[in-house]
Amino acid sequence: MNSKTKRITVIGMLCAITYVTMVVGRIPIILFLKYDPSDVIVTLGGFIWGPMTSCIVSVIVATLEMITVSDTGILGCIMNIVQTLSFACTASVIYKKSTLYLVQ
């Protein structure tokens, strides 16, 4: 299988799993706060396939969430993207750098 085709397929599957987890797994904590476990899947995707994968999945899922289930509009989408990128991409970059350092 072509490497690009495999990468696109993996990103699509990660987006689908993350979206389903976001829709099903939202747990309301307080009136306006909800726990969203989908960031765990984005972070695991970043650990396995690199930080760029977590960036792509984060943007796609946040955009889909804005269109379908969110009531916060574009501002909520931007905040969701920034929040997920700051968590998942930072963790995956640190993980990638530490594993490269350990291998050498």
PDB file of N, CA and C in Angstrom:
ATOM      1  N   MET A   1       0.849  -1.176   0.000  1.00  0.00           N
ATOM      2  CA  MET A   1       0.000   0.000   0.000  1.00  0.00           C
ATOM      3  C   MET A   1       0.896   1.241   0.000  1.00  0.00           C
ATOM      4  N   ASN A   2       0.463   2.245  -0.700  1.00  0.00           N
ATOM      5  CA  ASN A   2       1.200   3.490  -0.788  1.00  0.00           C
ATOM      6  C   ASN A   2       1.271   4.148   0.593  1.00  0.00           C
ATOM      7  N   SER A   3       2.408   4.752   0.903  1.00  0.00           N
ATOM      8  CA  SER A   3       2.610   5.362   2.212  1.00  0.00           C
ATOM      9  C   SER A   3       1.651   6.531   2.445  1.00  0.00           C
ATOM     10  N   LYS A   4       1.425   7.346   1.409  1.00  0.00           N
ATOM     11  CA  LYS A   4       0.514   8.488   1.566  1.00  0.00           C
ATOM     12  C   LYS A   4      -0.924   8.018   1.766  1.00  0.00           C
ATOM     13  N   THR A   5      -1.295   6.967   1.061  1.00  0.00           N
ATOM     14  CA  THR A   5      -2.642   6.423   1.215  1.00  0.00           C
ATOM     15  C   THR A   5      -2.844   5.883   2.622  1.00  0.00           C
ATOM     16  N   LYS A   6      -1.843   5.208   3.138  1.00  0.00           N
ATOM     17  CA  LYS A   6      -1.922   4.667   4.497  1.00  0.00           C
ATOM     18  C   LYS A   6      -2.028   5.796   5.520  1.00  0.00           C
ATOM     19  N   ARG A   7      -1.261   6.868   5.336  1.00  0.00           N
ATOM     20  CA  ARG A   7      -1.302   7.991   6.273  1.00  0.00           C
ATOM     21  C   ARG A   7      -2.664   8.685   6.247  1.00  0.00           C
ATOM     22  N   ILE A   8      -3.224   8.887   5.048  1.00  0.00           N
ATOM     23  CA  ILE A   8      -4.534   9.526   4.940  1.00  0.00           C
ATOM     24  C   ILE A   8      -5.603   8.647   5.586  1.00  0.00           C
ATOM     25  N   THR A   9      -5.494   7.343   5.400  1.00  0.00           N
ATOM     26  CA  THR A   9      -6.453   6.416   6.004  1.00  0.00           C
ATOM     27  C   THR A   9      -6.365   6.441   7.522  1.00  0.00           C
ATOM     28  N   VAL A  10      -5.158   6.455   8.038  1.00  0.00           N
ATOM     29  CA  VAL A  10      -4.969   6.499   9.492  1.00  0.00           C
ATOM     30  C   VAL A  10      -5.519   7.801  10.066  1.00  0.00           C
ATOM     31  N   ILE A  11      -5.264   8.914   9.401  1.00  0.00           N
ATOM     32  CA  ILE A  11      -5.773  10.202   9.884  1.00  0.00           C
ATOM     33  C   ILE A  11      -7.303  10.215   9.846  1.00  0.00           C
ATOM     34  N   GLY A  12      -7.890   9.667   8.799  1.00  0.00           N
ATOM     35  CA  GLY A  12      -9.350   9.593   8.722  1.00  0.00           C
ATOM     36  C   GLY A  12      -9.943   8.727   9.824  1.00  0.00           C
ATOM     37  N   MET A  13      -9.297   7.599  10.103  1.00  0.00           N
ATOM     38  CA  MET A  13      -9.786   6.727  11.173  1.00  0.00           C
ATOM     39  C   MET A  13      -9.637   7.391  12.535  1.00  0.00           C
ATOM     40  N   LEU A  14      -8.522   8.085  12.756  1.00  0.00           N
ATOM     41  CA  LEU A  14      -8.345   8.802  14.022  1.00  0.00           C
ATOM     42  C   LEU A  14      -9.399   9.898  14.176  1.00  0.00           C
ATOM     43  N   CYS A  15      -9.695  10.604  13.091  1.00  0.00           N
ATOM     44  CA  CYS A  15     -10.737  11.642  13.148  1.00  0.00           C
ATOM     45  C   CYS A  15     -12.093  11.035  13.489  1.00  0.00           C
ATOM     46  N   ALA A  16     -12.416   9.898  12.876  1.00  0.00           N
ATOM     47  CA  ALA A  16     -13.706   9.257  13.137  1.00  0.00           C
ATOM     48  C   ALA A  16     -13.805   8.785  14.587  1.00  0.00           C
ATOM     49  N   ILE A  17     -12.765   8.145  15.074  1.00  0.00           N
ATOM     50  CA  ILE A  17     -12.775   7.656  16.468  1.00  0.00           C
ATOM     51  C   ILE A  17     -12.843   8.822  17.441  1.00  0.00           C
ATOM     52  N   THR A  18     -12.095   9.884  17.158  1.00  0.00           N
ATOM     53  CA  THR A  18     -12.102  11.054  18.035  1.00  0.00           C
ATOM     54  C   THR A  18     -13.467  11.729  18.037  1.00  0.00           C
ATOM     55  N   TYR A  19     -14.094  11.838  16.873  1.00  0.00           N
ATOM     56  CA  TYR A  19     -15.411  12.477  16.794  1.00  0.00           C
ATOM     57  C   TYR A  19     -16.461  11.668  17.553  1.00  0.00           C
ATOM     58  N   VAL A  20     -16.449  10.353  17.372  1.00  0.00           N
ATOM     59  CA  VAL A  20     -17.420   9.510  18.088  1.00  0.00           C
ATOM     60  C   VAL A  20     -17.190   9.601  19.593  1.00  0.00           C
ATOM     61  N   THR A  21     -15.944   9.600  20.015  1.00  0.00           N
ATOM     62  CA  THR A  21     -15.643   9.733  21.440  1.00  0.00           C
ATOM     63  C   THR A  21     -16.105  11.081  21.970  1.00  0.00           C
ATOM     64  N   MET A  22     -15.949  12.132  21.180  1.00  0.00           N
ATOM     65  CA  MET A  22     -16.372  13.454  21.606  1.00  0.00           C
ATOM     66  C   MET A  22     -17.891  13.523  21.738  1.00  0.00           C
ATOM     67  N   VAL A  23     -18.619  12.933  20.807  1.00  0.00           N
ATOM     68  CA  VAL A  23     -20.083  12.989  20.849  1.00  0.00           C
ATOM     69  C   VAL A  23     -20.630  12.132  21.982  1.00  0.00           C
ATOM     70  N   VAL A  24     -20.110  10.930  22.139  1.00  0.00           N
ATOM     71  CA  VAL A  24     -20.642   9.988  23.126  1.00  0.00           C
ATOM     72  C   VAL A  24     -20.091  10.254  24.529  1.00  0.00           C
ATOM     73  N   GLY A  25     -18.829  10.651  24.621  1.00  0.00           N
ATOM     74  CA  GLY A  25     -18.165  10.693  25.914  1.00  0.00           C
ATOM     75  C   GLY A  25     -18.191  11.996  26.656  1.00  0.00           C
ATOM     76  N   ARG A  26     -18.913  12.984  26.181  1.00  0.00           N
ATOM     77  CA  ARG A  26     -18.959  14.261  26.908  1.00  0.00           C
ATOM     78  C   ARG A  26     -19.673  14.097  28.231  1.00  0.00           C
ATOM     79  N   ILE A  27     -19.003  14.487  29.302  1.00  0.00           N
ATOM     80  CA  ILE A  27     -19.558  14.370  30.643  1.00  0.00           C
ATOM     81  C   ILE A  27     -19.692  15.778  31.214  1.00  0.00           C
ATOM     82  N   PRO A  28     -20.917  16.235  31.485  1.00  0.00           N
ATOM     83  CA  PRO A  28     -21.066  17.573  32.063  1.00  0.00           C
ATOM     84  C   PRO A  28     -20.598  17.591  33.516  1.00  0.00           C
ATOM     85  N   ILE A  29     -19.766  18.568  33.836  1.00  0.00           N
ATOM     86  CA  ILE A  29     -19.247  18.708  35.195  1.00  0.00           C
ATOM     87  C   ILE A  29     -19.991  19.828  35.918  1.00  0.00           C
ATOM     88  N   ILE A  30     -19.967  21.005  35.331  1.00  0.00           N
ATOM     89  CA  ILE A  30     -20.707  22.155  35.842  1.00  0.00           C
ATOM     90  C   ILE A  30     -21.559  22.660  34.676  1.00  0.00           C
ATOM     91  N   LEU A  31     -22.323  23.694  34.865  1.00  0.00           N
ATOM     92  CA  LEU A  31     -23.251  24.170  33.835  1.00  0.00           C
ATOM     93  C   LEU A  31     -22.602  24.323  32.460  1.00  0.00           C
ATOM     94  N   PHE A  32     -21.461  24.974  32.378  1.00  0.00           N
ATOM     95  CA  PHE A  32     -20.863  25.247  31.087  1.00  0.00           C
ATOM     96  C   PHE A  32     -19.589  24.439  30.829  1.00  0.00           C
ATOM     97  N   LEU A  33     -19.120  23.664  31.793  1.00  0.00           N
ATOM     98  CA  LEU A  33     -17.916  22.858  31.620  1.00  0.00           C
ATOM     99  C   LEU A  33     -18.283  21.410  31.327  1.00  0.00           C
ATOM    100  N   LYS A  34     -17.630  20.848  30.329  1.00  0.00           N
ATOM    101  CA  LYS A  34     -17.845  19.447  29.976  1.00  0.00           C
ATOM    102  C   LYS A  34     -16.491  18.782  29.785  1.00  0.00           C
ATOM    103  N   TYR A  35     -16.340  17.585  30.335  1.00  0.00           N
ATOM    104  CA  TYR A  35     -15.121  16.816  30.126  1.00  0.00           C
ATOM    105  C   TYR A  35     -15.182  16.179  28.751  1.00  0.00           C
ATOM    106  N   ASP A  36     -14.126  16.346  27.971  1.00  0.00           N
ATOM    107  CA  ASP A  36     -14.069  15.840  26.606  1.00  0.00           C
ATOM    108  C   ASP A  36     -12.880  14.877  26.489  1.00  0.00           C
ATOM    109  N   PRO A  37     -13.122  13.566  26.516  1.00  0.00           N
ATOM    110  CA  PRO A  37     -12.011  12.604  26.494  1.00  0.00           C
ATOM    111  C   PRO A  37     -11.388  12.394  25.116  1.00  0.00           C
ATOM    112  N   SER A  38     -11.833  13.117  24.113  1.00  0.00           N
ATOM    113  CA  SER A  38     -11.312  12.889  22.764  1.00  0.00           C
ATOM    114  C   SER A  38      -9.866  13.349  22.607  1.00  0.00           C
ATOM    115  N   ASP A  39      -9.405  14.244  23.475  1.00  0.00           N
ATOM    116  CA  ASP A  39      -8.017  14.695  23.382  1.00  0.00           C
ATOM    117  C   ASP A  39      -7.022  13.569  23.666  1.00  0.00           C
ATOM    118  N   VAL A  40      -7.453  12.572  24.397  1.00  0.00           N
ATOM    119  CA  VAL A  40      -6.581  11.426  24.673  1.00  0.00           C
ATOM    120  C   VAL A  40      -6.260  10.686  23.375  1.00  0.00           C
ATOM    121  N   ILE A  41      -7.240  10.536  22.512  1.00  0.00           N
ATOM    122  CA  ILE A  41      -7.031   9.839  21.242  1.00  0.00           C
ATOM    123  C   ILE A  41      -6.150  10.675  20.321  1.00  0.00           C
ATOM    124  N   VAL A  42      -6.350  11.978  20.311  1.00  0.00           N
ATOM    125  CA  VAL A  42      -5.503  12.852  19.497  1.00  0.00           C
ATOM    126  C   VAL A  42      -4.058  12.774  19.973  1.00  0.00           C
ATOM    127  N   THR A  43      -3.860  12.750  21.277  1.00  0.00           N
ATOM    128  CA  THR A  43      -2.512  12.662  21.831  1.00  0.00           C
ATOM    129  C   THR A  43      -1.864  11.319  21.508  1.00  0.00           C
ATOM    130  N   LEU A  44      -2.608  10.240  21.621  1.00  0.00           N
ATOM    131  CA  LEU A  44      -2.060   8.931  21.270  1.00  0.00           C
ATOM    132  C   LEU A  44      -1.695   8.865  19.791  1.00  0.00           C
ATOM    133  N   GLY A  45      -2.509   9.451  18.938  1.00  0.00           N
ATOM    134  CA  GLY A  45      -2.169   9.532  17.516  1.00  0.00           C
ATOM    135  C   GLY A  45      -0.895  10.327  17.292  1.00  0.00           C
ATOM    136  N   GLY A  46      -0.708  11.392  18.061  1.00  0.00           N
ATOM    137  CA  GLY A  46       0.524  12.177  17.974  1.00  0.00           C
ATOM    138  C   GLY A  46       1.730  11.402  18.459  1.00  0.00           C
ATOM    139  N   PHE A  47       1.554  10.605  19.499  1.00  0.00           N
ATOM    140  CA  PHE A  47       2.663   9.780  19.987  1.00  0.00           C
ATOM    141  C   PHE A  47       3.075   8.745  18.946  1.00  0.00           C
ATOM    142  N   ILE A  48       2.105   8.148  18.285  1.00  0.00           N
ATOM    143  CA  ILE A  48       2.403   7.053  17.363  1.00  0.00           C
ATOM    144  C   ILE A  48       2.863   7.580  16.007  1.00  0.00           C
ATOM    145  N   TRP A  49       2.160   8.577  15.434  1.00  0.00           N
ATOM    146  CA  TRP A  49       2.451   9.010  14.073  1.00  0.00           C
ATOM    147  C   TRP A  49       3.043  10.403  13.973  1.00  0.00           C
ATOM    148  N   GLY A  50       3.335  11.050  15.073  1.00  0.00           N
ATOM    149  CA  GLY A  50       4.003  12.342  15.029  1.00  0.00           C
ATOM    150  C   GLY A  50       3.086  13.519  15.308  1.00  0.00           C
ATOM    151  N   PRO A  51       3.687  14.663  15.618  1.00  0.00           N
ATOM    152  CA  PRO A  51       2.909  15.840  16.003  1.00  0.00           C
ATOM    153  C   PRO A  51       2.040  16.411  14.884  1.00  0.00           C
ATOM    154  N   MET A  52       2.449  16.248  13.642  1.00  0.00           N
ATOM    155  CA  MET A  52       1.646  16.787  12.540  1.00  0.00           C
ATOM    156  C   MET A  52       0.311  16.064  12.425  1.00  0.00           C
ATOM    157  N   THR A  53       0.310  14.775  12.714  1.00  0.00           N
ATOM    158  CA  THR A  53      -0.936  14.017  12.699  1.00  0.00           C
ATOM    159  C   THR A  53      -1.896  14.536  13.760  1.00  0.00           C
ATOM    160  N   SER A  54      -1.379  14.828  14.952  1.00  0.00           N
ATOM    161  CA  SER A  54      -2.259  15.354  15.999  1.00  0.00           C
ATOM    162  C   SER A  54      -2.781  16.742  15.638  1.00  0.00           C
ATOM    163  N   CYS A  55      -1.981  17.542  14.935  1.00  0.00           N
ATOM    164  CA  CYS A  55      -2.459  18.856  14.482  1.00  0.00           C
ATOM    165  C   CYS A  55      -3.603  18.717  13.485  1.00  0.00           C
ATOM    166  N   ILE A  56      -3.420  17.832  12.520  1.00  0.00           N
ATOM    167  CA  ILE A  56      -4.442  17.645  11.483  1.00  0.00           C
ATOM    168  C   ILE A  56      -5.734  17.114  12.084  1.00  0.00           C
ATOM    169  N   VAL A  57      -5.621  16.103  12.928  1.00  0.00           N
ATOM    170  CA  VAL A  57      -6.810  15.509  13.553  1.00  0.00           C
ATOM    171  C   VAL A  57      -7.514  16.534  14.432  1.00  0.00           C
ATOM    172  N   SER A  58      -6.759  17.325  15.156  1.00  0.00           N
ATOM    173  CA  SER A  58      -7.350  18.339  16.022  1.00  0.00           C
ATOM    174  C   SER A  58      -8.168  19.358  15.239  1.00  0.00           C
ATOM    175  N   VAL A  59      -7.623  19.842  14.143  1.00  0.00           N
ATOM    176  CA  VAL A  59      -8.323  20.852  13.344  1.00  0.00           C
ATOM    177  C   VAL A  59      -9.571  20.260  12.684  1.00  0.00           C
ATOM    178  N   ILE A  60      -9.459  19.061  12.147  1.00  0.00           N
ATOM    179  CA  ILE A  60     -10.604  18.445  11.475  1.00  0.00           C
ATOM    180  C   ILE A  60     -11.739  18.169  12.456  1.00  0.00           C
ATOM    181  N   VAL A  61     -11.418  17.601  13.604  1.00  0.00           N
ATOM    182  CA  VAL A  61     -12.458  17.253  14.579  1.00  0.00           C
ATOM    183  C   VAL A  61     -13.090  18.512  15.173  1.00  0.00           C
ATOM    184  N   ALA A  62     -12.303  19.538  15.451  1.00  0.00           N
ATOM    185  CA  ALA A  62     -12.873  20.774  15.989  1.00  0.00           C
ATOM    186  C   ALA A  62     -13.800  21.443  14.979  1.00  0.00           C
ATOM    187  N   THR A  63     -13.438  21.387  13.703  1.00  0.00           N
ATOM    188  CA  THR A  63     -14.302  21.958  12.671  1.00  0.00           C
ATOM    189  C   THR A  63     -15.602  21.164  12.539  1.00  0.00           C
ATOM    190  N   LEU A  64     -15.494  19.836  12.556  1.00  0.00           N
ATOM    191  CA  LEU A  64     -16.708  19.007  12.515  1.00  0.00           C
ATOM    192  C   LEU A  64     -17.586  19.243  13.737  1.00  0.00           C
ATOM    193  N   GLU A  65     -16.970  19.400  14.885  1.00  0.00           N
ATOM    194  CA  GLU A  65     -17.742  19.673  16.099  1.00  0.00           C
ATOM    195  C   GLU A  65     -18.467  21.006  15.995  1.00  0.00           C
ATOM    196  N   MET A  66     -17.803  22.019  15.451  1.00  0.00           N
ATOM    197  CA  MET A  66     -18.440  23.329  15.298  1.00  0.00           C
ATOM    198  C   MET A  66     -19.650  23.244  14.373  1.00  0.00           C
ATOM    199  N   ILE A  67     -19.532  22.467  13.323  1.00  0.00           N
ATOM    200  CA  ILE A  67     -20.618  22.369  12.354  1.00  0.00           C
ATOM    201  C   ILE A  67     -21.797  21.568  12.889  1.00  0.00           C
ATOM    202  N   THR A  68     -21.534  20.512  13.665  1.00  0.00           N
ATOM    203  CA  THR A  68     -22.606  19.587  14.036  1.00  0.00           C
ATOM    204  C   THR A  68     -23.169  19.789  15.440  1.00  0.00           C
ATOM    205  N   VAL A  69     -22.361  19.689  16.483  1.00  0.00           N
ATOM    206  CA  VAL A  69     -22.925  19.614  17.831  1.00  0.00           C
ATOM    207  C   VAL A  69     -22.654  20.817  18.720  1.00  0.00           C
ATOM    208  N   SER A  70     -21.765  21.689  18.336  1.00  0.00           N
ATOM    209  CA  SER A  70     -21.398  22.792  19.210  1.00  0.00           C
ATOM    210  C   SER A  70     -22.377  23.951  19.082  1.00  0.00           C
ATOM    211  N   ASP A  71     -22.526  24.681  20.173  1.00  0.00           N
ATOM    212  CA  ASP A  71     -23.357  25.878  20.135  1.00  0.00           C
ATOM    213  C   ASP A  71     -22.526  27.130  20.414  1.00  0.00           C
ATOM    214  N   THR A  72     -21.195  27.008  20.381  1.00  0.00           N
ATOM    215  CA  THR A  72     -20.324  28.141  20.667  1.00  0.00           C
ATOM    216  C   THR A  72     -19.808  28.824  19.411  1.00  0.00           C
ATOM    217  N   GLY A  73     -20.025  28.242  18.246  1.00  0.00           N
ATOM    218  CA  GLY A  73     -19.658  28.874  16.988  1.00  0.00           C
ATOM    219  C   GLY A  73     -18.161  28.851  16.715  1.00  0.00           C
ATOM    220  N   ILE A  74     -17.735  29.856  15.954  1.00  0.00           N
ATOM    221  CA  ILE A  74     -16.343  29.907  15.506  1.00  0.00           C
ATOM    222  C   ILE A  74     -15.384  30.162  16.662  1.00  0.00           C
ATOM    223  N   LEU A  75     -15.817  30.913  17.661  1.00  0.00           N
ATOM    224  CA  LEU A  75     -14.949  31.181  18.810  1.00  0.00           C
ATOM    225  C   LEU A  75     -14.669  29.901  19.595  1.00  0.00           C
ATOM    226  N   GLY A  76     -15.688  29.085  19.778  1.00  0.00           N
ATOM    227  CA  GLY A  76     -15.491  27.803  20.446  1.00  0.00           C
ATOM    228  C   GLY A  76     -14.604  26.876  19.648  1.00  0.00           C
ATOM    229  N   CYS A  77     -14.719  26.934  18.329  1.00  0.00           N
ATOM    230  CA  CYS A  77     -13.872  26.111  17.463  1.00  0.00           C
ATOM    231  C   CYS A  77     -12.415  26.523  17.607  1.00  0.00           C
ATOM    232  N   ILE A  78     -12.159  27.813  17.566  1.00  0.00           N
ATOM    233  CA  ILE A  78     -10.785  28.307  17.707  1.00  0.00           C
ATOM    234  C   ILE A  78     -10.222  27.939  19.073  1.00  0.00           C
ATOM    235  N   MET A  79     -11.017  28.113  20.126  1.00  0.00           N
ATOM    236  CA  MET A  79     -10.547  27.758  21.473  1.00  0.00           C
ATOM    237  C   MET A  79     -10.276  26.267  21.588  1.00  0.00           C
ATOM    238  N   ASN A  80     -11.119  25.448  20.977  1.00  0.00           N
ATOM    239  CA  ASN A  80     -10.926  24.001  21.006  1.00  0.00           C
ATOM    240  C   ASN A  80      -9.646  23.606  20.271  1.00  0.00           C
ATOM    241  N   ILE A  81      -9.393  24.220  19.123  1.00  0.00           N
ATOM    242  CA  ILE A  81      -8.180  23.928  18.365  1.00  0.00           C
ATOM    243  C   ILE A  81      -6.946  24.321  19.163  1.00  0.00           C
ATOM    244  N   VAL A  82      -6.951  25.519  19.740  1.00  0.00           N
ATOM    245  CA  VAL A  82      -5.796  25.984  20.518  1.00  0.00           C
ATOM    246  C   VAL A  82      -5.571  25.091  21.726  1.00  0.00           C
ATOM    247  N   GLN A  83      -6.635  24.719  22.398  1.00  0.00           N
ATOM    248  CA  GLN A  83      -6.512  23.868  23.587  1.00  0.00           C
ATOM    249  C   GLN A  83      -5.962  22.495  23.236  1.00  0.00           C
ATOM    250  N   THR A  84      -6.480  21.889  22.178  1.00  0.00           N
ATOM    251  CA  THR A  84      -6.017  20.563  21.798  1.00  0.00           C
ATOM    252  C   THR A  84      -4.594  20.604  21.256  1.00  0.00           C
ATOM    253  N   LEU A  85      -4.282  21.616  20.471  1.00  0.00           N
ATOM    254  CA  LEU A  85      -2.919  21.740  19.948  1.00  0.00           C
ATOM    255  C   LEU A  85      -1.909  21.977  21.061  1.00  0.00           C
ATOM    256  N   SER A  86      -2.269  22.796  22.030  1.00  0.00           N
ATOM    257  CA  SER A  86      -1.329  23.061  23.116  1.00  0.00           C
ATOM    258  C   SER A  86      -1.079  21.824  23.972  1.00  0.00           C
ATOM    259  N   PHE A  87      -2.062  20.956  24.062  1.00  0.00           N
ATOM    260  CA  PHE A  87      -1.868  19.727  24.848  1.00  0.00           C
ATOM    261  C   PHE A  87      -1.236  18.623  24.013  1.00  0.00           C
ATOM    262  N   ALA A  88      -1.876  18.258  22.917  1.00  0.00           N
ATOM    263  CA  ALA A  88      -1.463  17.085  22.151  1.00  0.00           C
ATOM    264  C   ALA A  88      -0.165  17.311  21.389  1.00  0.00           C
ATOM    265  N   CYS A  89      -0.045  18.445  20.728  1.00  0.00           N
ATOM    266  CA  CYS A  89       1.170  18.681  19.942  1.00  0.00           C
ATOM    267  C   CYS A  89       2.397  18.882  20.826  1.00  0.00           C
ATOM    268  N   THR A  90       2.229  19.583  21.941  1.00  0.00           N
ATOM    269  CA  THR A  90       3.346  19.755  22.854  1.00  0.00           C
ATOM    270  C   THR A  90       3.808  18.419  23.400  1.00  0.00           C
ATOM    271  N   ALA A  91       2.870  17.588  23.811  1.00  0.00           N
ATOM    272  CA  ALA A  91       3.238  16.272  24.346  1.00  0.00           C
ATOM    273  C   ALA A  91       3.899  15.403  23.289  1.00  0.00           C
ATOM    274  N   SER A  92       3.379  15.424  22.066  1.00  0.00           N
ATOM    275  CA  SER A  92       3.963  14.573  21.032  1.00  0.00           C
ATOM    276  C   SER A  92       5.323  15.085  20.558  1.00  0.00           C
ATOM    277  N   VAL A  93       5.534  16.400  20.549  1.00  0.00           N
ATOM    278  CA  VAL A  93       6.856  16.936  20.196  1.00  0.00           C
ATOM    279  C   VAL A  93       7.882  16.552  21.256  1.00  0.00           C
ATOM    280  N   ILE A  94       7.514  16.683  22.520  1.00  0.00           N
ATOM    281  CA  ILE A  94       8.428  16.295  23.601  1.00  0.00           C
ATOM    282  C   ILE A  94       8.722  14.806  23.540  1.00  0.00           C
ATOM    283  N   TYR A  95       7.706  14.002  23.285  1.00  0.00           N
ATOM    284  CA  TYR A  95       7.899  12.558  23.179  1.00  0.00           C
ATOM    285  C   TYR A  95       8.806  12.207  22.003  1.00  0.00           C
ATOM    286  N   LYS A  96       8.596  12.872  20.872  1.00  0.00           N
ATOM    287  CA  LYS A  96       9.412  12.597  19.691  1.00  0.00           C
ATOM    288  C   LYS A  96      10.866  12.992  19.928  1.00  0.00           C
ATOM    289  N   LYS A  97      11.094  14.147  20.547  1.00  0.00           N
ATOM    290  CA  LYS A  97      12.465  14.590  20.832  1.00  0.00           C
ATOM    291  C   LYS A  97      13.143  13.672  21.839  1.00  0.00           C
ATOM    292  N   SER A  98      12.400  13.222  22.844  1.00  0.00           N
ATOM    293  CA  SER A  98      13.022  12.363  23.861  1.00  0.00           C
ATOM    294  C   SER A  98      13.345  10.979  23.304  1.00  0.00           C
ATOM    295  N   THR A  99      12.507  10.456  22.408  1.00  0.00           N
ATOM    296  CA  THR A  99      12.815   9.151  21.833  1.00  0.00           C
ATOM    297  C   THR A  99      13.968   9.250  20.845  1.00  0.00           C
ATOM    298  N   LEU A 100      14.079  10.357  20.113  1.00  0.00           N
ATOM    299  CA  LEU A 100      15.222  10.540  19.222  1.00  0.00           C
ATOM    300  C   LEU A 100      16.512  10.663  20.018  1.00  0.00           C
ATOM    301  N   TYR A 101      16.434  11.323  21.175  1.00  0.00           N
ATOM    302  CA  TYR A 101      17.599  11.483  22.020  1.00  0.00           C
ATOM    303  C   TYR A 101      18.020  10.133  22.617  1.00  0.00           C
ATOM    304  N   LEU A 102      17.041   9.312  23.001  1.00  0.00           N
ATOM    305  CA  LEU A 102      17.353   8.008  23.597  1.00  0.00           C
ATOM    306  C   LEU A 102      17.910   7.032  22.573  1.00  0.00           C
ATOM    307  N   VAL A 103      17.475   7.142  21.326  1.00  0.00           N
ATOM    308  CA  VAL A 103      17.942   6.214  20.294  1.00  0.00           C
ATOM    309  C   VAL A 103      19.397   6.495  19.952  1.00  0.00           C
ATOM    310  N   GLN A 104      19.798   7.758  19.934  1.00  0.00           N
ATOM    311  CA  GLN A 104      21.168   8.104  19.577  1.00  0.00           C
ATOM    312  C   GLN A 104      22.071   7.810  20.711  1.00  0.00           C
TER     313      GLN A 104
END
